[in-house]
């Protein structure tokens, strides 16, 4: 094969062309929290190719996932009345009772609250004295505080 310059791709190189179906798959997988490697395996391509061609789908899918999780945690934390269809008067969604653990979690994460522990010690320390021995050059120093 003859190449005109070092930057020209060889003819046998297949450029990936994403389809609309691939874009929907990537968006859906990203919205459910799949990793780029999982998405690449589902499409049968390299994860670098997924990053290169599906940047918008990855970002928007992950944003939807984060938003859905945040909404659900918030609803669990503060609770919610039953949702009733105004026309048929039937319950669309049951009520959710407030959850203290979820509320504490939100307070820590969103409000910066934290738990602190204060440890008190009742240990008394008694000095037993200090003895210092210098190298054997004929000089010796002893200090005893208990005498």
N, C-alpha and C. Protein backbone atom coordinates (compact mmCIF):
# COMPACT_ATOMS: atom_id res chain seq x y z
N UNK A 1 0.84 -1.18 0.00
CA UNK A 1 0.00 0.00 0.00
C UNK A 1 0.89 1.25 0.00
N UNK A 2 0.55 2.20 -0.78
CA UNK A 2 1.33 3.43 -0.91
C UNK A 2 0.60 4.51 -0.13
N UNK A 3 1.38 5.20 0.72
CA UNK A 3 0.81 6.29 1.50
C UNK A 3 1.49 7.58 1.09
N UNK A 4 0.72 8.63 1.00
CA UNK A 4 1.28 9.92 0.59
C UNK A 4 2.04 10.60 1.72
N UNK A 5 1.55 10.45 2.95
CA UNK A 5 2.26 11.02 4.10
C UNK A 5 2.00 10.14 5.32
N UNK A 6 2.66 10.42 6.39
CA UNK A 6 2.54 9.59 7.59
C UNK A 6 1.21 9.79 8.31
N UNK A 7 0.45 10.78 7.96
CA UNK A 7 -0.80 11.08 8.66
C UNK A 7 -2.01 10.47 7.98
N UNK A 8 -1.84 9.93 6.83
CA UNK A 8 -2.96 9.35 6.09
C UNK A 8 -3.28 7.96 6.67
N UNK A 9 -4.56 7.69 6.90
CA UNK A 9 -4.97 6.40 7.45
C UNK A 9 -4.90 5.34 6.35
N UNK A 10 -4.53 4.13 6.72
CA UNK A 10 -4.54 3.06 5.71
C UNK A 10 -5.98 2.76 5.27
N UNK A 11 -6.16 2.22 4.09
CA UNK A 11 -7.48 1.99 3.54
C UNK A 11 -8.24 0.91 4.29
N UNK A 12 -7.56 -0.01 4.94
CA UNK A 12 -8.23 -1.09 5.65
C UNK A 12 -8.75 -0.63 7.02
N UNK A 13 -8.46 0.58 7.41
CA UNK A 13 -8.91 1.11 8.71
C UNK A 13 -10.40 1.44 8.61
N UNK A 14 -11.22 0.86 9.49
CA UNK A 14 -12.65 1.12 9.49
C UNK A 14 -12.99 2.17 10.54
N UNK A 15 -13.44 3.29 10.10
CA UNK A 15 -13.86 4.37 10.99
C UNK A 15 -15.21 4.01 11.57
N UNK A 16 -15.35 4.14 12.89
CA UNK A 16 -16.63 3.82 13.54
C UNK A 16 -17.64 4.92 13.24
N UNK A 17 -18.83 4.52 12.85
CA UNK A 17 -19.91 5.46 12.58
C UNK A 17 -21.05 5.12 13.53
N UNK A 18 -21.29 5.96 14.54
CA UNK A 18 -22.36 5.66 15.50
C UNK A 18 -23.74 5.80 14.87
N UNK A 19 -24.63 4.89 15.23
CA UNK A 19 -26.01 4.95 14.73
C UNK A 19 -26.91 5.55 15.82
N UNK A 20 -28.11 5.90 15.43
CA UNK A 20 -29.07 6.44 16.39
C UNK A 20 -29.42 5.39 17.44
N UNK A 21 -29.46 4.13 17.03
CA UNK A 21 -29.72 3.04 17.97
C UNK A 21 -28.60 2.95 19.01
N UNK A 22 -27.34 3.08 18.55
CA UNK A 22 -26.19 3.06 19.47
C UNK A 22 -26.28 4.21 20.47
N UNK A 23 -26.69 5.38 20.00
CA UNK A 23 -26.80 6.54 20.88
C UNK A 23 -27.85 6.30 21.97
N UNK A 24 -28.97 5.68 21.61
CA UNK A 24 -30.01 5.38 22.59
C UNK A 24 -29.53 4.35 23.61
N UNK A 25 -28.78 3.36 23.13
CA UNK A 25 -28.24 2.34 24.03
C UNK A 25 -27.27 2.97 25.03
N UNK A 26 -26.37 3.81 24.54
CA UNK A 26 -25.38 4.46 25.42
C UNK A 26 -26.09 5.34 26.45
N UNK A 27 -27.06 6.12 26.01
CA UNK A 27 -27.80 6.99 26.93
C UNK A 27 -28.50 6.16 28.01
N UNK A 28 -29.16 5.09 27.58
CA UNK A 28 -29.89 4.24 28.52
C UNK A 28 -28.96 3.58 29.52
N UNK A 29 -27.86 3.02 29.05
CA UNK A 29 -26.90 2.37 29.96
C UNK A 29 -26.31 3.39 30.94
N UNK A 30 -25.96 4.57 30.44
CA UNK A 30 -25.39 5.60 31.31
C UNK A 30 -26.40 6.05 32.35
N UNK A 31 -27.69 6.14 31.96
CA UNK A 31 -28.73 6.55 32.90
C UNK A 31 -28.92 5.53 34.01
N UNK A 32 -28.60 4.27 33.74
CA UNK A 32 -28.71 3.23 34.76
C UNK A 32 -27.40 3.01 35.51
N UNK A 33 -26.38 3.82 35.23
CA UNK A 33 -25.15 3.77 36.00
C UNK A 33 -24.10 2.82 35.48
N UNK A 34 -24.23 2.33 34.26
CA UNK A 34 -23.22 1.42 33.69
C UNK A 34 -21.92 2.18 33.43
N UNK A 35 -20.81 1.47 33.56
CA UNK A 35 -19.51 2.07 33.29
C UNK A 35 -19.28 2.14 31.79
N UNK A 36 -18.30 2.92 31.39
CA UNK A 36 -17.95 3.04 29.98
C UNK A 36 -17.51 1.67 29.43
N UNK A 37 -16.81 0.90 30.26
CA UNK A 37 -16.36 -0.43 29.83
C UNK A 37 -17.55 -1.36 29.59
N UNK A 38 -18.58 -1.27 30.45
CA UNK A 38 -19.79 -2.09 30.27
C UNK A 38 -20.52 -1.69 28.98
N UNK A 39 -20.62 -0.41 28.74
CA UNK A 39 -21.29 0.09 27.53
C UNK A 39 -20.53 -0.37 26.29
N UNK A 40 -19.20 -0.28 26.35
CA UNK A 40 -18.38 -0.70 25.21
C UNK A 40 -18.58 -2.19 24.94
N UNK A 41 -18.65 -3.00 25.99
CA UNK A 41 -18.86 -4.43 25.81
C UNK A 41 -20.22 -4.71 25.18
N UNK A 42 -21.24 -3.96 25.60
CA UNK A 42 -22.58 -4.15 25.03
C UNK A 42 -22.61 -3.81 23.55
N UNK A 43 -21.84 -2.80 23.14
CA UNK A 43 -21.82 -2.39 21.73
C UNK A 43 -20.78 -3.15 20.91
N UNK A 44 -19.86 -3.84 21.60
CA UNK A 44 -18.81 -4.57 20.90
C UNK A 44 -17.72 -3.69 20.34
N UNK A 45 -17.46 -2.58 21.05
CA UNK A 45 -16.41 -1.65 20.61
C UNK A 45 -15.50 -1.35 21.80
N UNK A 46 -14.43 -0.61 21.55
CA UNK A 46 -13.48 -0.22 22.58
C UNK A 46 -14.05 0.91 23.43
N UNK A 47 -13.68 0.94 24.73
CA UNK A 47 -14.20 1.99 25.62
C UNK A 47 -13.73 3.38 25.18
N UNK A 48 -12.58 3.46 24.54
CA UNK A 48 -12.10 4.76 24.05
C UNK A 48 -13.01 5.28 22.93
N UNK A 49 -13.53 4.36 22.14
CA UNK A 49 -14.46 4.74 21.07
C UNK A 49 -15.75 5.27 21.67
N UNK A 50 -16.20 4.64 22.75
CA UNK A 50 -17.41 5.12 23.44
C UNK A 50 -17.18 6.54 23.94
N UNK A 51 -16.05 6.78 24.58
CA UNK A 51 -15.74 8.12 25.08
C UNK A 51 -15.66 9.15 23.95
N UNK A 52 -15.11 8.73 22.83
CA UNK A 52 -14.89 9.64 21.70
C UNK A 52 -16.20 10.04 21.00
N UNK A 53 -17.08 9.07 20.76
CA UNK A 53 -18.27 9.33 19.94
C UNK A 53 -19.56 9.57 20.72
N UNK A 54 -19.56 9.27 22.00
CA UNK A 54 -20.81 9.36 22.75
C UNK A 54 -20.69 10.25 24.00
N UNK A 55 -19.91 11.29 23.92
CA UNK A 55 -19.68 12.16 25.07
C UNK A 55 -20.99 12.77 25.60
N UNK A 56 -21.81 13.28 24.71
CA UNK A 56 -23.07 13.92 25.11
C UNK A 56 -24.04 12.92 25.74
N UNK A 57 -24.14 11.73 25.15
CA UNK A 57 -25.04 10.71 25.68
C UNK A 57 -24.60 10.25 27.07
N UNK A 58 -23.29 10.12 27.25
CA UNK A 58 -22.77 9.72 28.57
C UNK A 58 -23.07 10.79 29.62
N UNK A 59 -22.82 12.05 29.27
CA UNK A 59 -23.05 13.15 30.22
C UNK A 59 -24.53 13.26 30.58
N UNK A 60 -25.39 13.29 29.57
CA UNK A 60 -26.82 13.49 29.85
C UNK A 60 -27.43 12.27 30.54
N UNK A 61 -27.02 11.07 30.17
CA UNK A 61 -27.52 9.87 30.83
C UNK A 61 -27.13 9.82 32.30
N UNK A 62 -25.88 10.17 32.59
CA UNK A 62 -25.41 10.17 33.98
C UNK A 62 -26.08 11.28 34.79
N UNK A 63 -26.36 12.41 34.15
CA UNK A 63 -27.06 13.51 34.84
C UNK A 63 -28.48 13.08 35.21
N UNK A 64 -29.15 12.38 34.31
CA UNK A 64 -30.49 11.88 34.60
C UNK A 64 -30.45 10.90 35.77
N UNK A 65 -29.46 10.02 35.78
CA UNK A 65 -29.33 9.04 36.86
C UNK A 65 -29.12 9.74 38.21
N UNK A 66 -28.23 10.73 38.23
CA UNK A 66 -27.97 11.45 39.49
C UNK A 66 -29.22 12.17 39.97
N UNK A 67 -29.95 12.79 39.05
CA UNK A 67 -31.16 13.50 39.41
C UNK A 67 -32.23 12.56 39.96
N UNK A 68 -32.40 11.41 39.32
CA UNK A 68 -33.39 10.43 39.77
C UNK A 68 -33.06 9.92 41.17
N UNK A 69 -31.79 9.63 41.41
CA UNK A 69 -31.36 9.15 42.73
C UNK A 69 -31.59 10.23 43.78
N UNK A 70 -31.21 11.47 43.47
CA UNK A 70 -31.38 12.57 44.41
C UNK A 70 -32.85 12.79 44.75
N UNK A 71 -33.72 12.73 43.75
CA UNK A 71 -35.16 12.90 43.99
C UNK A 71 -35.69 11.80 44.89
N UNK A 72 -35.28 10.58 44.64
CA UNK A 72 -35.79 9.45 45.42
C UNK A 72 -35.31 9.53 46.87
N UNK A 73 -34.05 9.83 47.09
CA UNK A 73 -33.54 9.96 48.46
C UNK A 73 -34.27 11.08 49.19
N UNK A 74 -34.52 12.19 48.50
CA UNK A 74 -35.22 13.31 49.10
C UNK A 74 -36.64 12.91 49.49
N UNK A 75 -37.34 12.21 48.60
CA UNK A 75 -38.70 11.75 48.90
C UNK A 75 -38.72 10.80 50.08
N UNK A 76 -37.75 9.89 50.13
CA UNK A 76 -37.67 8.94 51.25
C UNK A 76 -37.38 9.68 52.55
N UNK A 77 -36.51 10.67 52.48
CA UNK A 77 -36.10 11.40 53.69
C UNK A 77 -37.25 12.21 54.28
N UNK A 78 -37.95 12.98 53.46
CA UNK A 78 -38.98 13.87 54.01
C UNK A 78 -40.38 13.29 53.92
N UNK A 79 -40.54 12.20 53.16
CA UNK A 79 -41.85 11.59 53.02
C UNK A 79 -42.69 12.32 51.98
N UNK A 80 -43.88 11.74 51.72
CA UNK A 80 -44.74 12.35 50.72
C UNK A 80 -46.16 11.83 50.93
N UNK A 81 -47.11 12.68 50.64
CA UNK A 81 -48.53 12.28 50.66
C UNK A 81 -48.79 11.37 49.46
N UNK A 82 -49.85 10.62 49.52
CA UNK A 82 -50.25 9.79 48.38
C UNK A 82 -50.59 10.70 47.20
N UNK A 83 -50.23 10.27 46.02
CA UNK A 83 -50.56 11.03 44.81
C UNK A 83 -51.85 10.44 44.24
N UNK A 84 -52.86 11.29 44.13
CA UNK A 84 -54.19 10.85 43.70
C UNK A 84 -54.55 11.51 42.38
N UNK A 85 -55.08 10.72 41.47
CA UNK A 85 -55.53 11.22 40.17
C UNK A 85 -56.79 12.07 40.41
N UNK A 86 -56.78 13.35 40.00
CA UNK A 86 -57.92 14.21 40.30
C UNK A 86 -59.22 13.78 39.60
N UNK A 87 -59.12 13.15 38.46
CA UNK A 87 -60.32 12.74 37.73
C UNK A 87 -60.94 11.46 38.29
N UNK A 88 -60.12 10.42 38.42
CA UNK A 88 -60.65 9.13 38.86
C UNK A 88 -60.61 8.95 40.38
N UNK A 89 -59.92 9.84 41.07
CA UNK A 89 -59.76 9.78 42.53
C UNK A 89 -59.07 8.49 42.99
N UNK A 90 -58.29 7.88 42.11
CA UNK A 90 -57.54 6.69 42.47
C UNK A 90 -56.10 7.06 42.80
N UNK A 91 -55.50 6.25 43.67
CA UNK A 91 -54.12 6.50 44.09
C UNK A 91 -53.16 6.11 42.97
N UNK A 92 -52.37 7.07 42.54
CA UNK A 92 -51.36 6.83 41.51
C UNK A 92 -50.09 6.30 42.16
N UNK A 93 -49.68 6.93 43.28
CA UNK A 93 -48.50 6.50 44.02
C UNK A 93 -48.83 6.51 45.50
N UNK A 94 -48.42 5.48 46.21
CA UNK A 94 -48.74 5.41 47.64
C UNK A 94 -47.95 6.45 48.43
N UNK A 95 -48.40 6.74 49.65
CA UNK A 95 -47.64 7.69 50.47
C UNK A 95 -46.31 7.07 50.91
N UNK A 96 -45.36 7.94 51.18
CA UNK A 96 -44.05 7.50 51.68
C UNK A 96 -43.86 8.12 53.05
N UNK A 97 -43.58 7.29 54.05
CA UNK A 97 -43.32 7.80 55.40
C UNK A 97 -41.91 8.36 55.45
N UNK A 98 -41.71 9.45 56.21
CA UNK A 98 -40.35 10.01 56.34
C UNK A 98 -39.40 8.99 56.97
N UNK A 99 -38.15 9.02 56.54
CA UNK A 99 -37.14 8.09 57.03
C UNK A 99 -36.02 8.90 57.68
N UNK A 100 -35.84 8.70 58.98
CA UNK A 100 -34.85 9.48 59.73
C UNK A 100 -33.43 9.23 59.24
N UNK A 101 -33.09 7.99 58.92
CA UNK A 101 -31.73 7.68 58.45
C UNK A 101 -31.42 8.42 57.16
N UNK A 102 -32.38 8.42 56.23
CA UNK A 102 -32.17 9.13 54.96
C UNK A 102 -32.07 10.63 55.20
N UNK A 103 -32.85 11.14 56.14
CA UNK A 103 -32.80 12.57 56.46
C UNK A 103 -31.44 12.95 57.04
N UNK A 104 -30.91 12.11 57.93
CA UNK A 104 -29.57 12.35 58.51
C UNK A 104 -28.52 12.30 57.41
N UNK A 105 -28.65 11.33 56.50
CA UNK A 105 -27.71 11.23 55.38
C UNK A 105 -27.71 12.51 54.55
N UNK A 106 -28.90 13.01 54.21
CA UNK A 106 -28.99 14.24 53.44
C UNK A 106 -28.40 15.42 54.19
N UNK A 107 -28.63 15.49 55.50
CA UNK A 107 -28.08 16.59 56.29
C UNK A 107 -26.56 16.56 56.26
N UNK A 108 -25.98 15.36 56.32
CA UNK A 108 -24.52 15.25 56.29
C UNK A 108 -23.97 15.62 54.91
N UNK A 109 -24.61 15.10 53.87
CA UNK A 109 -24.08 15.29 52.52
C UNK A 109 -24.37 16.69 51.98
N UNK A 110 -25.61 17.14 52.11
CA UNK A 110 -26.00 18.41 51.50
C UNK A 110 -25.77 19.62 52.39
N UNK A 111 -25.90 19.44 53.70
CA UNK A 111 -25.76 20.57 54.61
C UNK A 111 -24.41 20.62 55.31
N UNK A 112 -23.60 19.60 55.11
CA UNK A 112 -22.26 19.58 55.70
C UNK A 112 -22.25 19.22 57.18
N UNK A 113 -23.35 18.67 57.69
CA UNK A 113 -23.38 18.26 59.08
C UNK A 113 -22.46 17.07 59.27
N UNK A 114 -21.97 16.91 60.51
CA UNK A 114 -21.12 15.75 60.80
C UNK A 114 -21.29 15.36 62.25
N UNK A 115 -20.98 14.13 62.51
CA UNK A 115 -21.03 13.63 63.88
C UNK A 115 -19.66 13.83 64.50
N UNK A 116 -19.66 14.28 65.74
CA UNK A 116 -18.39 14.43 66.45
C UNK A 116 -18.43 13.60 67.70
N UNK A 117 -17.30 13.08 68.07
CA UNK A 117 -17.19 12.29 69.28
C UNK A 117 -16.14 12.93 70.17
N UNK A 118 -16.47 13.06 71.45
CA UNK A 118 -15.54 13.60 72.42
C UNK A 118 -15.11 12.45 73.32
N UNK A 119 -13.84 12.18 73.34
CA UNK A 119 -13.32 11.11 74.18
C UNK A 119 -12.69 11.73 75.43
N UNK A 120 -13.14 11.26 76.58
CA UNK A 120 -12.57 11.74 77.83
C UNK A 120 -11.68 10.66 78.40
N UNK A 121 -10.55 11.08 78.92
CA UNK A 121 -9.61 10.13 79.48
C UNK A 121 -9.45 10.40 80.97
N UNK A 122 -9.47 9.34 81.75
CA UNK A 122 -9.28 9.49 83.19
C UNK A 122 -8.03 8.77 83.65
N UNK A 123 -7.08 8.66 82.77
CA UNK A 123 -5.84 7.97 83.10
C UNK A 123 -4.90 8.96 83.79
N UNK A 124 -4.36 8.55 84.95
CA UNK A 124 -3.38 9.38 85.65
C UNK A 124 -1.99 8.84 85.33
N UNK A 125 -1.11 9.75 85.00
CA UNK A 125 0.25 9.34 84.69
C UNK A 125 1.17 9.76 85.82
N UNK A 126 1.97 8.85 86.29
CA UNK A 126 2.91 9.11 87.36
C UNK A 126 4.33 9.06 86.81
N UNK A 127 5.10 10.04 87.16
CA UNK A 127 6.48 10.05 86.69
C UNK A 127 7.30 9.12 87.57
N UNK A 128 8.10 8.30 86.92
CA UNK A 128 8.96 7.38 87.68
C UNK A 128 10.41 7.84 87.67
N UNK A 129 10.66 8.97 87.10
CA UNK A 129 12.01 9.50 87.09
C UNK A 129 12.68 9.26 85.75
N UNK A 130 13.75 9.99 85.53
CA UNK A 130 14.48 9.89 84.27
C UNK A 130 15.93 9.61 84.58
N UNK A 131 16.48 8.62 83.94
CA UNK A 131 17.90 8.32 84.08
C UNK A 131 18.51 8.40 82.69
N UNK A 132 19.58 9.15 82.59
CA UNK A 132 20.27 9.31 81.31
C UNK A 132 21.67 8.75 81.45
N UNK A 133 22.04 7.86 80.60
CA UNK A 133 23.38 7.28 80.62
C UNK A 133 24.11 7.71 79.36
N UNK A 134 25.26 8.31 79.55
CA UNK A 134 26.08 8.75 78.43
C UNK A 134 27.06 7.64 78.07
N UNK A 135 27.70 7.76 76.93
CA UNK A 135 28.69 6.74 76.55
C UNK A 135 29.77 6.61 77.63
N UNK A 136 30.37 5.44 77.66
CA UNK A 136 31.33 5.14 78.70
C UNK A 136 32.64 5.90 78.48
N UNK A 137 32.59 7.18 78.88
CA UNK A 137 33.81 7.99 78.80
C UNK A 137 34.15 8.55 80.18
N UNK A 138 33.62 7.88 81.19
CA UNK A 138 33.93 8.28 82.54
C UNK A 138 32.96 9.29 83.11
N UNK A 139 32.03 9.79 82.32
CA UNK A 139 31.06 10.77 82.82
C UNK A 139 29.70 10.09 82.92
N UNK A 140 29.03 10.36 84.02
CA UNK A 140 27.72 9.78 84.23
C UNK A 140 26.81 10.84 84.82
N UNK A 141 25.56 10.92 84.30
CA UNK A 141 24.62 11.91 84.77
C UNK A 141 23.33 11.18 85.14
N UNK A 142 22.88 11.36 86.36
CA UNK A 142 21.61 10.78 86.77
C UNK A 142 20.71 11.87 87.30
N UNK A 143 19.46 11.76 86.94
CA UNK A 143 18.46 12.71 87.44
C UNK A 143 17.29 11.86 87.87
N UNK A 144 16.92 11.94 89.12
CA UNK A 144 15.80 11.17 89.61
C UNK A 144 14.83 12.13 90.25
N UNK A 145 13.65 12.23 89.69
CA UNK A 145 12.67 13.17 90.20
C UNK A 145 11.91 12.65 91.39
N UNK A 146 11.97 11.35 91.66
CA UNK A 146 11.24 10.80 92.79
C UNK A 146 11.99 10.91 94.11
N UNK A 147 13.22 11.31 94.11
CA UNK A 147 14.01 11.39 95.36
C UNK A 147 13.62 12.56 96.20
